[in-house]
């Protein structure tokens, strides 16, 4: 039964991905992308990677789908045209070659994984009991710091190319009862994911994505209006995560002689502090990426 489910899941991922790429309707294509992301998240759960599955469901499928819908709404209708047969054949051959290379790499990979054993040996020194959090914010904290920097650079690029008035369209009065239920749940769930990230799947990226979803409900319901002051505060909160992470790196250099090497016995406190600030920063960045950053000041309302 388990094998049959996995086979159906694999076919479902391929089918929805093909449907998303094969349709000429933007909304239908984005819907296929979102469904593919959800199926991929379920596949990651089946592979024993719940942390990655949470991030894929919240960011890869959820907020990225919202960003794509937002972009599709603002773009002009695309001209309907059919690609030449030779172009489609070339693309299909490239896809088959890449898939074959990936399958060969997986098939010839060493059977025994080295990293799980190494992480398990040093897990007690990390300050947390969740191996994923230990890797992301202790053993390889530089990777996470650079990921936050990349998000902030993306926000700056959106600021450079943004339109003059990116104010989201209010969806109507039916958003009020929806917001009353969803927004408190998002805040509660974000806090829960943040706190449990030290011991079980969760953490700042998942919590920040959930919190951003609640904030977007407020904006789309008309309960929060994009004024210049709100945008300025959002930009400062977005920068706060990168700034705190950088200060933490410099502080650990001063205290221990190594960047992002936490003092003995205090690793958990440092990680929780960084994760809490990153949650707010990631939520602000994702919201601003969705709404856009105007080149000209918005009118206060």
Protein backbone atom coordinates (compact mmCIF):
# COMPACT_ATOMS: atom_id res chain seq x y z
CA UNK A 1 0.00 0.00 0.00
CA UNK A 2 2.84 2.36 0.89
CA UNK A 3 4.65 1.62 -2.38
CA UNK A 4 1.48 2.20 -4.39
CA UNK A 5 0.96 5.56 -2.67
CA UNK A 6 4.53 6.62 -3.41
CA UNK A 7 4.16 5.65 -7.07
CA UNK A 8 0.91 7.62 -7.35
CA UNK A 9 2.56 10.56 -5.61
CA UNK A 10 5.50 10.50 -8.04
CA UNK A 11 3.16 10.39 -11.04
CA UNK A 12 1.10 13.19 -9.49
CA UNK A 13 4.17 15.45 -9.22
CA UNK A 14 5.13 14.78 -12.85
CA UNK A 15 1.54 15.22 -14.10
CA UNK A 16 0.87 18.51 -12.29
CA UNK A 17 4.28 19.89 -13.31
CA UNK A 18 3.57 18.98 -16.94
CA UNK A 19 0.11 20.55 -16.69
CA UNK A 20 1.61 23.75 -15.27
CA UNK A 21 4.12 23.97 -18.10
CA UNK A 22 1.77 22.87 -20.86
CA UNK A 23 -1.11 25.30 -20.40
CA UNK A 24 -1.19 28.78 -21.96
CA UNK A 25 -3.43 30.18 -19.22
CA UNK A 26 -1.38 31.95 -16.56
CA UNK A 27 -3.76 31.33 -13.67
CA UNK A 28 -4.08 27.64 -14.54
CA UNK A 29 -0.30 27.38 -14.84
CA UNK A 30 0.21 28.97 -11.42
CA UNK A 31 -2.45 26.69 -9.92
CA UNK A 32 -0.55 23.72 -11.33
CA UNK A 33 2.66 25.09 -9.83
CA UNK A 34 1.06 25.42 -6.39
CA UNK A 35 -0.39 21.90 -6.51
CA UNK A 36 3.00 20.57 -7.63
CA UNK A 37 4.64 22.30 -4.66
CA UNK A 38 2.16 20.75 -2.24
CA UNK A 39 2.77 17.29 -3.71
CA UNK A 40 6.53 17.86 -3.48
CA UNK A 41 6.07 18.83 0.19
CA UNK A 42 4.18 15.59 0.75
CA UNK A 43 6.97 13.71 -1.01
CA UNK A 44 9.53 15.29 1.32
CA UNK A 45 7.48 14.10 4.29
CA UNK A 46 7.57 10.59 2.84
CA UNK A 47 11.36 10.94 2.50
CA UNK A 48 11.71 11.87 6.17
CA UNK A 49 12.49 15.57 5.69
CA UNK A 50 9.63 17.38 7.49
CA UNK A 51 11.63 20.60 7.92
CA UNK A 52 12.12 20.96 4.18
CA UNK A 53 8.50 19.92 3.60
CA UNK A 54 7.25 22.72 5.86
CA UNK A 55 9.40 25.27 4.03
CA UNK A 56 8.25 24.00 0.62
CA UNK A 57 4.57 24.10 1.57
CA UNK A 58 4.74 27.55 3.19
CA UNK A 59 7.22 29.34 0.91
CA UNK A 60 7.64 27.24 -2.22
CA UNK A 61 3.95 26.59 -2.84
CA UNK A 62 2.13 29.16 -0.70
CA UNK A 63 3.82 32.53 -0.84
CA UNK A 64 5.60 31.91 -4.13
CA UNK A 65 2.25 31.02 -5.66
CA UNK A 66 0.82 34.26 -4.29
CA UNK A 67 3.75 36.20 -5.77
CA UNK A 68 3.20 34.59 -9.15
CA UNK A 69 -0.52 35.37 -9.06
CA UNK A 70 0.28 38.95 -8.12
CA UNK A 71 2.73 39.22 -11.03
CA UNK A 72 0.34 37.59 -13.50
CA UNK A 73 -2.37 40.08 -12.55
CA UNK A 74 -0.06 43.02 -13.24
CA UNK A 75 1.31 41.76 -16.57
CA UNK A 76 -0.39 42.35 -19.89
CA UNK A 77 -2.16 39.38 -21.51
CA UNK A 78 0.31 37.23 -23.37
CA UNK A 79 -0.02 36.69 -27.09
CA UNK A 80 -1.16 33.18 -27.93
CA UNK A 81 1.43 31.44 -30.08
CA UNK A 82 2.64 27.91 -30.61
CA UNK A 83 6.34 27.17 -30.44
CA UNK A 84 7.90 25.49 -33.48
CA UNK A 85 8.09 21.71 -33.27
CA UNK A 86 11.90 21.77 -33.45
CA UNK A 87 12.10 24.03 -30.37
CA UNK A 88 9.87 21.69 -28.39
CA UNK A 89 11.93 18.68 -29.45
CA UNK A 90 15.19 20.36 -28.40
CA UNK A 91 13.75 21.34 -25.02
CA UNK A 92 12.43 17.80 -24.51
CA UNK A 93 15.85 16.32 -25.32
CA UNK A 94 17.59 18.68 -22.89
CA UNK A 95 15.08 17.75 -20.18
CA UNK A 96 15.62 14.03 -20.82
CA UNK A 97 19.41 14.46 -20.67
CA UNK A 98 19.26 16.41 -17.42
CA UNK A 99 16.88 13.86 -15.90
CA UNK A 100 19.17 11.03 -16.97
CA UNK A 101 22.21 12.78 -15.50
CA UNK A 102 20.37 13.36 -12.22
CA UNK A 103 19.22 9.73 -12.09
CA UNK A 104 22.76 8.52 -12.78
CA UNK A 105 24.18 10.78 -10.04
CA UNK A 106 21.68 9.41 -7.54
CA UNK A 107 22.27 5.82 -8.63
CA UNK A 108 26.07 6.06 -8.39
CA UNK A 109 26.12 8.05 -5.12
CA UNK A 110 27.80 6.37 -2.14
CA UNK A 111 25.36 4.33 -0.10
CA UNK A 112 26.47 5.54 3.32
CA UNK A 113 25.84 9.19 4.18
CA UNK A 114 28.59 10.88 6.17
CA UNK A 115 26.86 13.98 7.49
CA UNK A 116 24.14 12.41 9.71
CA UNK A 117 26.76 10.60 11.79
CA UNK A 118 28.93 13.71 12.11
CA UNK A 119 25.94 15.85 13.14
CA UNK A 120 24.82 13.26 15.69
CA UNK A 121 28.26 13.18 17.28
CA UNK A 122 28.30 16.95 17.87
CA UNK A 123 24.58 17.54 18.42
CA UNK A 124 24.97 17.91 22.19
CA UNK A 125 27.35 20.83 21.62
CA UNK A 126 24.97 22.69 19.31
CA UNK A 127 22.57 23.90 22.04
CA UNK A 128 19.52 22.35 20.32
CA UNK A 129 18.22 18.83 19.77
CA UNK A 130 16.89 19.28 16.24
CA UNK A 131 19.72 18.33 13.84
CA UNK A 132 18.40 20.60 11.06
CA UNK A 133 18.42 23.66 13.34
CA UNK A 134 21.85 22.64 14.61
CA UNK A 135 23.19 22.64 11.04
CA UNK A 136 21.44 25.83 9.91
CA UNK A 137 22.27 28.01 12.91
CA UNK A 138 25.38 26.45 14.40
CA UNK A 139 27.47 24.09 12.30
CA UNK A 140 26.82 25.94 9.01
CA UNK A 141 25.35 29.21 10.20
CA UNK A 142 27.19 31.05 7.41
CA UNK A 143 24.82 29.46 4.89
CA UNK A 144 21.78 30.82 6.70
CA UNK A 145 23.36 34.25 7.03
CA UNK A 146 23.96 34.34 3.27
CA UNK A 147 20.39 33.18 2.60
CA UNK A 148 19.05 36.14 4.58
CA UNK A 149 21.41 38.42 2.66
CA UNK A 150 20.10 37.03 -0.65
CA UNK A 151 16.50 37.68 0.43
CA UNK A 152 17.36 41.25 1.33
CA UNK A 153 19.15 41.78 -2.00
CA UNK A 154 16.03 40.48 -3.77
CA UNK A 155 13.99 43.05 -1.84
CA UNK A 156 16.38 45.82 -2.94
CA UNK A 157 16.03 44.69 -6.57
CA UNK A 158 12.24 44.82 -6.26
CA UNK A 159 12.63 48.33 -4.89
CA UNK A 160 14.67 49.32 -7.94
CA UNK A 161 12.24 47.97 -10.56
CA UNK A 162 8.98 48.49 -8.61
CA UNK A 163 6.02 50.43 -10.04
CA UNK A 164 4.82 53.69 -8.57
CA UNK A 165 1.68 52.37 -6.83
CA UNK A 166 1.85 48.72 -5.74
CA UNK A 167 -1.10 48.99 -3.30
CA UNK A 168 -2.83 45.54 -3.21
CA UNK A 169 -6.49 45.49 -4.20
CA UNK A 170 -8.84 44.99 -1.26
CA UNK A 171 -10.78 41.76 -1.68
CA UNK A 172 -14.01 42.86 0.02
CA UNK A 173 -16.04 42.54 3.21
CA UNK A 174 -15.95 38.74 3.21
CA UNK A 175 -12.29 39.00 4.26
CA UNK A 176 -13.33 40.28 7.71
CA UNK A 177 -14.64 36.98 9.18
CA UNK A 178 -11.84 35.14 7.38
CA UNK A 179 -9.21 37.45 8.89
CA UNK A 180 -10.65 37.10 12.39
CA UNK A 181 -9.96 33.38 12.25
CA UNK A 182 -6.83 33.16 10.13
CA UNK A 183 -4.71 36.03 11.48
CA UNK A 184 -4.69 34.90 15.15
CA UNK A 185 -4.06 31.32 14.00
CA UNK A 186 -1.11 32.47 11.88
CA UNK A 187 0.40 34.39 14.80
CA UNK A 188 -0.07 31.43 17.16
CA UNK A 189 1.27 28.90 14.64
CA UNK A 190 4.28 31.11 13.83
CA UNK A 191 5.20 31.31 17.50
CA UNK A 192 4.73 27.56 17.87
CA UNK A 193 6.95 26.77 14.89
CA UNK A 194 9.60 29.19 16.11
CA UNK A 195 9.72 27.69 19.60
CA UNK A 196 9.63 24.04 18.56
CA UNK A 197 12.32 24.54 15.93
CA UNK A 198 14.99 23.90 18.57
CA UNK A 199 13.85 20.32 19.13
CA UNK A 200 11.53 19.24 16.27
CA UNK A 201 10.80 20.41 12.69
CA UNK A 202 10.15 24.15 12.55
CA UNK A 203 12.18 27.34 12.76
CA UNK A 204 12.45 30.90 11.51
CA UNK A 205 11.80 30.34 7.80
CA UNK A 206 8.63 28.34 8.38
CA UNK A 207 7.42 30.66 11.14
CA UNK A 208 8.21 33.76 9.06
CA UNK A 209 6.28 32.40 6.07
CA UNK A 210 3.21 31.65 8.21
CA UNK A 211 3.39 35.09 9.84
CA UNK A 212 3.73 36.72 6.42
CA UNK A 213 0.58 34.91 5.32
CA UNK A 214 -1.32 36.44 8.23
CA UNK A 215 0.01 39.90 7.39
CA UNK A 216 -1.03 39.51 3.76
CA UNK A 217 -4.56 38.64 4.90
CA UNK A 218 -4.63 41.97 6.77
CA UNK A 219 -3.44 43.84 3.67
CA UNK A 220 -5.75 42.11 1.23
CA UNK A 221 -8.65 42.68 3.59
CA UNK A 222 -7.93 46.39 3.75
CA UNK A 223 -7.09 46.34 7.47
CA UNK A 224 -3.50 47.51 6.83
CA UNK A 225 -2.84 50.19 4.20
CA UNK A 226 0.57 50.65 2.59
CA UNK A 227 1.53 54.14 3.71
CA UNK A 228 5.08 55.52 3.43
CA UNK A 229 5.52 55.12 7.18
CA UNK A 230 4.40 51.48 7.12
CA UNK A 231 6.73 50.75 4.21
CA UNK A 232 9.63 52.38 6.05
CA UNK A 233 8.95 50.32 9.17
CA UNK A 234 8.66 47.17 7.08
CA UNK A 235 11.99 47.88 5.41
CA UNK A 236 13.67 48.42 8.79
CA UNK A 237 12.25 45.15 10.16
CA UNK A 238 13.38 43.38 6.97
CA UNK A 239 16.91 44.69 7.49
CA UNK A 240 16.85 43.86 11.21
CA UNK A 241 17.33 40.12 10.71
CA UNK A 242 20.45 40.54 8.58
CA UNK A 243 21.80 43.21 10.94
CA UNK A 244 21.27 41.11 14.09
CA UNK A 245 22.80 38.06 12.41
CA UNK A 246 25.86 40.09 11.36
CA UNK A 247 26.20 41.60 14.85
CA UNK A 248 25.95 38.10 16.33
CA UNK A 249 28.75 36.93 14.03
CA UNK A 250 31.00 39.83 15.04
CA UNK A 251 30.13 39.38 18.72
CA UNK A 252 31.05 35.69 18.66
CA UNK A 253 34.31 36.63 16.98
CA UNK A 254 35.06 38.97 19.88
CA UNK A 255 33.99 36.46 22.55
CA UNK A 256 35.33 33.17 21.18
CA UNK A 257 37.78 34.18 18.47
CA UNK A 258 35.69 32.54 15.72
CA UNK A 259 32.79 33.92 13.73
CA UNK A 260 29.47 32.30 14.73
CA UNK A 261 31.12 30.04 17.28
CA UNK A 262 28.84 30.56 20.27
CA UNK A 263 30.16 30.69 23.85
CA UNK A 264 30.06 27.39 25.75
CA UNK A 265 26.70 26.68 27.32
CA UNK A 266 24.97 29.67 25.67
CA UNK A 267 24.41 28.35 22.15
CA UNK A 268 20.66 27.82 22.63
CA UNK A 269 20.12 31.39 23.83
CA UNK A 270 22.00 32.80 20.85
CA UNK A 271 20.12 30.58 18.39
CA UNK A 272 16.70 31.43 19.84
CA UNK A 273 17.51 35.15 19.76
CA UNK A 274 18.62 34.98 16.12
CA UNK A 275 15.63 32.82 15.14
CA UNK A 276 13.13 35.19 16.81
CA UNK A 277 14.48 38.22 14.97
CA UNK A 278 14.74 36.29 11.70
CA UNK A 279 11.07 35.30 11.97
CA UNK A 280 9.98 38.94 11.99
CA UNK A 281 12.51 39.88 9.31
CA UNK A 282 11.52 37.06 6.95
CA UNK A 283 7.83 37.89 7.40
CA UNK A 284 8.50 41.54 6.55
CA UNK A 285 10.63 40.67 3.51
CA UNK A 286 8.07 38.25 2.09
CA UNK A 287 5.25 40.77 2.55
CA UNK A 288 7.24 43.53 0.87
CA UNK A 289 8.20 41.21 -1.98
CA UNK A 290 4.50 40.50 -2.50
CA UNK A 291 3.37 44.13 -2.29
CA UNK A 292 6.35 45.77 -3.99
CA UNK A 293 8.32 48.87 -3.05
CA UNK A 294 7.27 52.09 -4.82
CA UNK A 295 9.75 54.41 -6.51
CA UNK A 296 7.52 57.37 -5.72
CA UNK A 297 5.91 57.97 -2.31
CA UNK A 298 2.43 56.61 -1.79
CA UNK A 299 -0.31 58.97 -0.72
CA UNK A 300 -1.13 58.68 2.97
CA UNK A 301 -4.69 57.47 3.54
